[in-house]
């Protein structure tokens, strides 16, 4: 299958070709036709399989097609618009969105870093398919979020807290949303978030298309997710969703006497030139490993919770730009980071559950590229190792 066969707008196909994206991945080939028909979807696919593009393309296609057909926005539920912010430079583009704070496409993400990545994917495709993308993400100042939704725009990428704040303030309305996406749905739809999820869904029109995507969706959560839909969704699972990708090589190293630093010394002595993610479970472990790396003379940056947000973002930028080749992180770095040059994952401390393991190792061997994961294994990790073995591709 090619993207041309999916009857996407020519401008979208051309933008994909410019990025050398010529054929859909498995999840894209399975889900795109369903989403382009306007049906709601629950999609589960392995990390690095192209889930973001799977919903970005139909959202851009639907919203631009609506504009091109000359269909105007639906009538506001009230004649009183959201809080007005004068923006004389922005002008209504005929049948397109003209009222401030009333998007037609909404993507919910659990964390700022993933939201920024999603925005980059959207904006890589909107140079020719002219639609406006805005974001309101946790960690940004409230006045910045208000400014971002002040004018007219078509697509909003948001974290739940910031979104609800703007809804409460009357600066944003969702009564013209045509497509709503939950990315990393397993995080967004845990029991503590359910009330917020239902509030956001209820604020959208009943006819809005709903799509949920995740790399992992445990069965108990999957059952509750289905209750969010007003009509039964199409459930789509990629072929590789139950296994690790074939291009990922796994090496297990036994930790003797709890001494991990000697293994790290050996690994970096053999290969110091590969962009590497190191994972630990806790802040204390992360700080301890950072001390080991300093002792070994290995340049690195740290990316974890409970550190200055500006410093954390600066560290990630340095790693993304290749200024430093080692990023030490907790499970915070296990989701949302799509950095092509990552060639190796080292689990200095293995996680307690298999889902976190899948998210961690999914930071490499993405989009068909090869990658390596090195697990430092202790006796207490044996139950997890049995689950990892079952994940290996047949």
Protein backbone atom coordinates (compact mmCIF):
# COMPACT_ATOMS: atom_id res chain seq x y z
CA UNK A 1 0.00 0.00 0.00
CA UNK A 2 1.11 3.57 -0.70
CA UNK A 3 -0.12 6.84 0.75
CA UNK A 4 -1.52 7.75 -2.68
CA UNK A 5 -3.82 4.72 -2.49
CA UNK A 6 -5.31 6.08 0.73
CA UNK A 7 -6.75 9.10 -1.15
CA UNK A 8 -5.00 11.60 1.11
CA UNK A 9 -4.92 15.23 0.02
CA UNK A 10 -2.18 15.72 -2.61
CA UNK A 11 -0.49 18.33 -0.41
CA UNK A 12 -0.08 15.76 2.37
CA UNK A 13 1.30 13.12 0.02
CA UNK A 14 3.76 15.65 -1.37
CA UNK A 15 4.92 16.61 2.15
CA UNK A 16 5.45 12.95 3.00
CA UNK A 17 7.55 12.47 -0.13
CA UNK A 18 9.69 15.47 0.81
CA UNK A 19 10.47 13.66 4.08
CA UNK A 20 11.17 10.37 2.21
CA UNK A 21 8.13 8.75 3.83
CA UNK A 22 6.77 6.63 1.00
CA UNK A 23 4.94 3.62 2.47
CA UNK A 24 2.75 3.25 5.56
CA UNK A 25 3.90 1.21 8.54
CA UNK A 26 1.76 -1.69 9.72
CA UNK A 27 -0.32 0.35 12.16
CA UNK A 28 -0.72 3.12 9.58
CA UNK A 29 -1.88 0.70 6.89
CA UNK A 30 -4.41 -0.82 9.29
CA UNK A 31 -5.74 2.33 10.96
CA UNK A 32 -5.54 5.09 8.33
CA UNK A 33 -8.36 3.75 6.09
CA UNK A 34 -10.64 3.43 9.12
CA UNK A 35 -9.82 6.89 10.44
CA UNK A 36 -10.22 8.45 6.99
CA UNK A 37 -13.73 6.95 6.90
CA UNK A 38 -14.49 8.96 10.03
CA UNK A 39 -14.77 5.98 12.38
CA UNK A 40 -13.56 6.00 15.97
CA UNK A 41 -10.58 3.81 16.79
CA UNK A 42 -8.63 2.20 19.64
CA UNK A 43 -5.14 1.53 18.27
CA UNK A 44 -2.36 -0.45 19.95
CA UNK A 45 1.07 -0.65 18.32
CA UNK A 46 4.66 -1.05 19.43
CA UNK A 47 6.77 2.02 20.15
CA UNK A 48 8.47 3.53 17.12
CA UNK A 49 5.80 2.19 14.75
CA UNK A 50 4.50 5.56 13.58
CA UNK A 51 1.41 6.03 15.78
CA UNK A 52 1.67 9.82 15.77
CA UNK A 53 1.51 10.04 11.99
CA UNK A 54 -1.38 7.57 12.07
CA UNK A 55 -3.67 10.17 13.62
CA UNK A 56 -1.97 13.35 12.39
CA UNK A 57 -2.62 12.54 8.71
CA UNK A 58 -6.39 11.91 8.98
CA UNK A 59 -6.84 14.93 11.24
CA UNK A 60 -5.13 17.22 8.74
CA UNK A 61 -6.97 15.56 5.85
CA UNK A 62 -10.42 15.90 7.46
CA UNK A 63 -9.99 19.48 8.66
CA UNK A 64 -8.48 20.78 5.42
CA UNK A 65 -11.10 18.97 3.34
CA UNK A 66 -13.81 20.58 5.46
CA UNK A 67 -12.31 23.98 4.77
CA UNK A 68 -11.95 23.29 1.05
CA UNK A 69 -15.56 22.12 0.76
CA UNK A 70 -16.65 25.50 2.01
CA UNK A 71 -18.24 24.21 5.20
CA UNK A 72 -18.22 26.87 7.89
CA UNK A 73 -17.88 26.31 11.58
CA UNK A 74 -20.95 25.18 13.46
CA UNK A 75 -22.94 27.81 15.25
CA UNK A 76 -21.59 28.54 18.72
CA UNK A 77 -23.71 27.16 21.53
CA UNK A 78 -23.96 30.73 22.78
CA UNK A 79 -23.75 34.01 20.94
CA UNK A 80 -21.14 35.03 23.47
CA UNK A 81 -17.69 33.90 22.24
CA UNK A 82 -14.81 32.98 24.54
CA UNK A 83 -12.80 35.78 26.10
CA UNK A 84 -11.80 37.99 23.18
CA UNK A 85 -8.19 38.89 22.47
CA UNK A 86 -7.69 41.33 19.64
CA UNK A 87 -5.42 39.97 16.97
CA UNK A 88 -5.67 42.24 13.92
CA UNK A 89 -2.97 40.38 12.05
CA UNK A 90 -5.12 37.21 11.88
CA UNK A 91 -7.98 37.27 9.43
CA UNK A 92 -10.75 34.78 8.87
CA UNK A 93 -10.03 32.57 5.89
CA UNK A 94 -13.57 32.23 4.54
CA UNK A 95 -15.04 28.87 5.51
CA UNK A 96 -12.15 28.10 7.84
CA UNK A 97 -12.04 28.62 11.59
CA UNK A 98 -12.48 32.30 12.42
CA UNK A 99 -13.47 32.44 16.09
CA UNK A 100 -10.76 32.43 18.79
CA UNK A 101 -10.38 29.48 21.10
CA UNK A 102 -12.51 27.01 19.11
CA UNK A 103 -10.31 24.27 17.60
CA UNK A 104 -11.62 21.55 15.29
CA UNK A 105 -8.91 19.02 16.14
CA UNK A 106 -7.69 18.20 19.66
CA UNK A 107 -4.80 15.94 20.71
CA UNK A 108 -4.35 15.14 24.40
CA UNK A 109 -0.91 14.05 25.63
CA UNK A 110 0.28 13.13 29.14
CA UNK A 111 3.48 15.18 29.14
CA UNK A 112 5.03 18.31 27.69
CA UNK A 113 7.85 16.53 25.86
CA UNK A 114 5.44 14.30 23.93
CA UNK A 115 3.28 17.34 23.13
CA UNK A 116 6.26 19.16 21.64
CA UNK A 117 7.09 16.12 19.55
CA UNK A 118 3.51 15.86 18.27
CA UNK A 119 3.56 19.55 17.33
CA UNK A 120 6.73 18.98 15.32
CA UNK A 121 5.04 16.19 13.35
CA UNK A 122 2.02 18.38 12.62
CA UNK A 123 4.11 21.35 11.56
CA UNK A 124 6.25 19.21 9.25
CA UNK A 125 3.07 18.65 7.22
CA UNK A 126 1.36 22.04 7.37
CA UNK A 127 3.69 24.02 5.10
CA UNK A 128 1.52 23.08 2.12
CA UNK A 129 -1.61 21.92 3.95
CA UNK A 130 -2.18 25.26 5.57
CA UNK A 131 -3.65 24.63 9.02
CA UNK A 132 -2.73 26.32 12.28
CA UNK A 133 -1.42 24.26 15.21
CA UNK A 134 -1.26 25.58 18.77
CA UNK A 135 -0.19 23.97 22.05
CA UNK A 136 -1.00 24.40 25.73
CA UNK A 137 1.34 22.16 27.69
CA UNK A 138 2.21 21.64 31.33
CA UNK A 139 5.31 23.46 32.47
CA UNK A 140 4.55 26.60 30.48
CA UNK A 141 3.29 29.78 32.10
CA UNK A 142 -0.47 30.30 32.23
CA UNK A 143 -0.23 33.58 30.33
CA UNK A 144 1.61 31.76 27.52
CA UNK A 145 -1.20 29.18 27.33
CA UNK A 146 -3.80 31.96 27.18
CA UNK A 147 -1.89 33.71 24.42
CA UNK A 148 -1.62 30.49 22.42
CA UNK A 149 -5.41 30.07 22.23
CA UNK A 150 -6.20 33.76 21.81
CA UNK A 151 -6.54 33.74 18.03
CA UNK A 152 -8.23 31.46 15.53
CA UNK A 153 -6.60 28.09 14.87
CA UNK A 154 -7.60 24.60 13.76
CA UNK A 155 -5.61 22.14 15.91
CA UNK A 156 -4.72 22.12 19.61
CA UNK A 157 -2.18 19.85 21.31
CA UNK A 158 -2.69 19.91 25.07
CA UNK A 159 -1.97 18.32 28.42
CA UNK A 160 -5.12 17.78 30.51
CA UNK A 161 -4.34 20.20 33.34
CA UNK A 162 -3.68 23.17 31.07
CA UNK A 163 -6.72 22.32 28.93
CA UNK A 164 -9.12 22.18 31.88
CA UNK A 165 -7.74 25.47 33.22
CA UNK A 166 -8.56 27.20 29.94
CA UNK A 167 -12.01 25.59 29.80
CA UNK A 168 -12.73 26.82 33.33
CA UNK A 169 -11.64 30.33 32.37
CA UNK A 170 -13.87 30.44 29.30
CA UNK A 171 -10.88 31.02 27.03
CA UNK A 172 -11.40 27.79 25.15
CA UNK A 173 -14.44 25.92 23.86
CA UNK A 174 -14.58 22.44 22.37
CA UNK A 175 -18.03 22.63 20.78
CA UNK A 176 -16.59 22.62 17.24
CA UNK A 177 -14.15 19.71 17.70
CA UNK A 178 -14.42 17.20 14.84
CA UNK A 179 -11.64 14.80 15.94
CA UNK A 180 -10.33 14.10 19.45
CA UNK A 181 -7.19 11.99 20.04
CA UNK A 182 -5.79 10.53 23.27
CA UNK A 183 -2.08 9.77 22.76
CA UNK A 184 -0.38 7.41 25.26
CA UNK A 185 -3.92 6.49 26.30
CA UNK A 186 -2.79 4.08 29.00
CA UNK A 187 -1.33 7.02 30.93
CA UNK A 188 -4.14 9.45 30.19
CA UNK A 189 -6.92 7.05 31.10
CA UNK A 190 -5.76 5.60 34.40
CA UNK A 191 -8.50 5.66 37.10
CA UNK A 192 -7.38 9.00 38.51
CA UNK A 193 -7.87 10.72 35.15
CA UNK A 194 -11.21 9.21 34.17
CA UNK A 195 -13.35 12.12 35.43
CA UNK A 196 -11.22 14.64 33.50
CA UNK A 197 -11.37 12.47 30.37
CA UNK A 198 -15.16 12.31 30.52
CA UNK A 199 -15.39 16.06 31.03
CA UNK A 200 -13.28 16.70 27.93
CA UNK A 201 -15.26 14.19 25.85
CA UNK A 202 -18.58 15.67 27.04
CA UNK A 203 -17.39 19.16 26.05
CA UNK A 204 -16.98 17.95 22.44
CA UNK A 205 -19.89 17.38 20.03
CA UNK A 206 -21.47 13.92 20.18
CA UNK A 207 -20.55 13.37 16.52
CA UNK A 208 -16.82 14.01 17.11
CA UNK A 209 -14.50 11.23 15.98
CA UNK A 210 -12.55 9.73 18.90
CA UNK A 211 -9.19 7.95 18.59
CA UNK A 212 -7.08 6.40 21.35
CA UNK A 213 -3.51 5.21 20.74
CA UNK A 214 -1.02 3.47 22.99
CA UNK A 215 1.90 1.08 22.89
CA UNK A 216 0.50 -0.83 25.85
CA UNK A 217 -3.12 -1.23 26.90
CA UNK A 218 -3.63 -3.80 29.68
CA UNK A 219 -6.91 -5.69 29.36
CA UNK A 220 -8.56 -4.24 32.51
CA UNK A 221 -7.87 -0.73 31.23
CA UNK A 222 -8.93 -1.67 27.68
CA UNK A 223 -12.37 -2.67 28.98
CA UNK A 224 -12.88 0.65 30.76
CA UNK A 225 -11.59 2.58 27.74
CA UNK A 226 -14.41 1.21 25.61
CA UNK A 227 -16.91 2.87 27.92
CA UNK A 228 -15.66 6.29 26.79
CA UNK A 229 -17.07 5.76 23.30
CA UNK A 230 -20.63 6.64 22.39
CA UNK A 231 -20.48 4.04 19.60
CA UNK A 232 -18.33 0.89 19.61
CA UNK A 233 -14.91 1.79 18.15
CA UNK A 234 -12.86 -0.22 15.69
CA UNK A 235 -10.13 -1.98 17.67
CA UNK A 236 -6.83 -2.21 15.78
CA UNK A 237 -3.66 -3.90 16.93
CA UNK A 238 -0.46 -4.02 14.88
CA UNK A 239 1.23 -7.34 14.20
CA UNK A 240 4.17 -6.42 16.40
CA UNK A 241 2.23 -4.97 19.32
CA UNK A 242 2.74 -8.09 21.46
CA UNK A 243 6.45 -8.40 20.73
CA UNK A 244 9.63 -6.35 20.71
CA UNK A 245 10.64 -5.17 17.26
CA UNK A 246 12.86 -7.52 15.26
CA UNK A 247 15.55 -4.86 14.77
CA UNK A 248 16.18 -4.65 18.52
CA UNK A 249 19.09 -6.74 19.79
CA UNK A 250 19.03 -7.66 23.49
CA UNK A 251 22.11 -8.36 25.63
CA UNK A 252 21.73 -9.39 29.28
CA UNK A 253 24.66 -8.83 31.66
CA UNK A 254 24.63 -10.40 35.13
CA UNK A 255 25.40 -8.02 38.02
CA UNK A 256 27.75 -9.72 40.48
CA UNK A 257 27.70 -8.54 44.08
CA UNK A 258 25.61 -5.52 43.16
CA UNK A 259 28.52 -3.89 41.31
CA UNK A 260 27.25 -2.18 38.16
CA UNK A 261 30.00 0.36 37.53
CA UNK A 262 32.42 -2.25 36.15
CA UNK A 263 29.88 -3.26 33.48
CA UNK A 264 29.34 0.38 32.54
CA UNK A 265 33.10 0.92 32.28
CA UNK A 266 33.38 -2.04 29.89
CA UNK A 267 30.38 -1.00 27.77
CA UNK A 268 31.60 2.55 27.25
CA UNK A 269 35.19 1.44 26.70
CA UNK A 270 34.02 -0.76 23.81
CA UNK A 271 31.61 1.83 22.37
CA UNK A 272 31.66 5.45 23.45
CA UNK A 273 30.37 6.88 20.18
CA UNK A 274 26.76 5.60 20.20
CA UNK A 275 23.99 7.87 21.48
CA UNK A 276 22.85 6.10 24.63
CA UNK A 277 19.95 6.28 27.06
CA UNK A 278 20.66 4.99 30.57
CA UNK A 279 17.68 4.12 32.78
CA UNK A 280 17.36 3.95 36.53
CA UNK A 281 14.18 3.64 38.60
CA UNK A 282 14.48 6.35 41.23
CA UNK A 283 15.95 9.79 41.70
CA UNK A 284 18.45 8.38 44.21
CA UNK A 285 19.58 5.68 41.79
CA UNK A 286 19.82 8.23 38.99
CA UNK A 287 22.05 10.50 41.08
CA UNK A 288 24.20 7.52 42.10
CA UNK A 289 24.71 6.46 38.47
CA UNK A 290 25.54 10.05 37.55
CA UNK A 291 28.34 9.92 40.12
CA UNK A 292 29.66 6.69 38.56
CA UNK A 293 29.66 8.26 35.11
CA UNK A 294 31.58 11.25 36.46
CA UNK A 295 34.13 8.89 38.00
CA UNK A 296 34.49 7.13 34.64
CA UNK A 297 34.91 10.44 32.81
CA UNK A 298 31.78 9.88 30.69
CA UNK A 299 30.15 13.12 29.63
CA UNK A 300 26.39 12.96 30.20
CA UNK A 301 23.28 14.93 31.07
CA UNK A 302 20.43 14.03 33.43
CA UNK A 303 16.72 14.05 32.57
CA UNK A 304 14.42 13.18 35.47
CA UNK A 305 11.59 14.48 37.59
CA UNK A 306 12.15 16.74 40.59
CA UNK A 307 14.79 18.79 38.83
CA UNK A 308 14.61 22.32 37.49
CA UNK A 309 12.34 22.29 34.43
CA UNK A 310 14.55 24.70 32.47
CA UNK A 311 17.65 22.62 33.22
CA UNK A 312 15.85 19.43 32.23
CA UNK A 313 14.74 20.88 28.90
CA UNK A 314 18.24 22.26 28.23
CA UNK A 315 19.76 18.82 28.93
CA UNK A 316 17.34 17.14 26.54
CA UNK A 317 18.14 19.73 23.87
CA UNK A 318 21.88 19.09 24.22
CA UNK A 319 21.31 15.35 23.83
CA UNK A 320 18.92 15.79 20.91
CA UNK A 321 21.40 18.08 19.13
CA UNK A 322 24.27 15.60 19.63
CA UNK A 323 26.30 17.89 21.92
CA UNK A 324 26.44 15.02 24.43
CA UNK A 325 25.94 11.33 23.67
CA UNK A 326 24.66 10.02 27.00
CA UNK A 327 21.31 10.84 28.62
CA UNK A 328 20.66 9.42 32.10
CA UNK A 329 16.98 9.24 32.94
CA UNK A 330 14.18 7.56 34.85
CA UNK A 331 10.92 6.27 33.38
CA UNK A 332 10.19 9.92 32.53
CA UNK A 333 12.38 9.32 29.47
CA UNK A 334 10.59 6.09 28.60
CA UNK A 335 7.74 7.84 26.82
CA UNK A 336 7.49 10.49 24.19
CA UNK A 337 11.17 10.80 23.26
CA UNK A 338 11.61 10.26 19.52
CA UNK A 339 15.29 10.89 18.83
CA UNK A 340 16.50 9.12 15.71
CA UNK A 341 20.16 8.84 16.71
CA UNK A 342 19.54 6.78 19.87
CA UNK A 343 21.28 3.50 19.14
CA UNK A 344 21.57 1.97 22.58
CA UNK A 345 19.53 1.59 25.77
CA UNK A 346 21.21 0.51 29.00
CA UNK A 347 18.87 -0.53 31.80
CA UNK A 348 21.25 0.11 34.70
CA UNK A 349 18.29 -0.75 36.94
CA UNK A 350 15.51 -2.78 35.34
CA UNK A 351 11.92 -1.59 35.87
CA UNK A 352 9.45 -3.52 37.98
CA UNK A 353 6.88 -4.15 35.25
CA UNK A 354 7.00 -5.24 31.64
CA UNK A 355 5.04 -2.29 30.25
CA UNK A 356 7.65 0.20 31.47
CA UNK A 357 10.33 -2.04 29.96
CA UNK A 358 8.59 -1.96 26.57
CA UNK A 359 8.36 1.82 26.66
CA UNK A 360 12.02 2.18 27.62
CA UNK A 361 13.43 -0.06 24.91
CA UNK A 362 11.08 1.52 22.39
CA UNK A 363 13.31 4.61 22.40
CA UNK A 364 15.66 2.79 20.00
CA UNK A 365 15.17 0.54 16.96
CA UNK A 366 12.42 2.88 15.78
CA UNK A 367 10.99 3.11 12.26
CA UNK A 368 12.91 0.05 11.07
CA UNK A 369 16.32 1.14 12.39
CA UNK A 370 18.53 -1.21 14.37
CA UNK A 371 19.08 -0.76 18.09
CA UNK A 372 20.63 -2.42 21.13
CA UNK A 373 19.36 -2.83 24.69
CA UNK A 374 21.71 -3.96 27.45
CA UNK A 375 20.05 -5.16 30.66
CA UNK A 376 22.01 -5.27 33.91
CA UNK A 377 20.33 -8.21 35.61
CA UNK A 378 20.22 -9.22 39.28
CA UNK A 379 18.53 -12.19 40.96
CA UNK A 380 15.46 -10.13 41.82
CA UNK A 381 14.95 -9.36 38.11
CA UNK A 382 14.30 -12.99 37.12
CA UNK A 383 10.46 -12.76 37.02
CA UNK A 384 10.76 -9.78 34.67
CA UNK A 385 13.33 -11.58 32.53
CA UNK A 386 10.83 -14.40 31.92
CA UNK A 387 8.31 -11.84 30.65
CA UNK A 388 10.95 -10.19 28.47
CA UNK A 389 11.75 -13.55 26.89
CA UNK A 390 8.09 -13.96 25.93
CA UNK A 391 8.22 -10.54 24.23
CA UNK A 392 11.02 -11.55 21.88
CA UNK A 393 9.74 -11.67 18.30
CA UNK A 394 9.14 -15.25 17.10
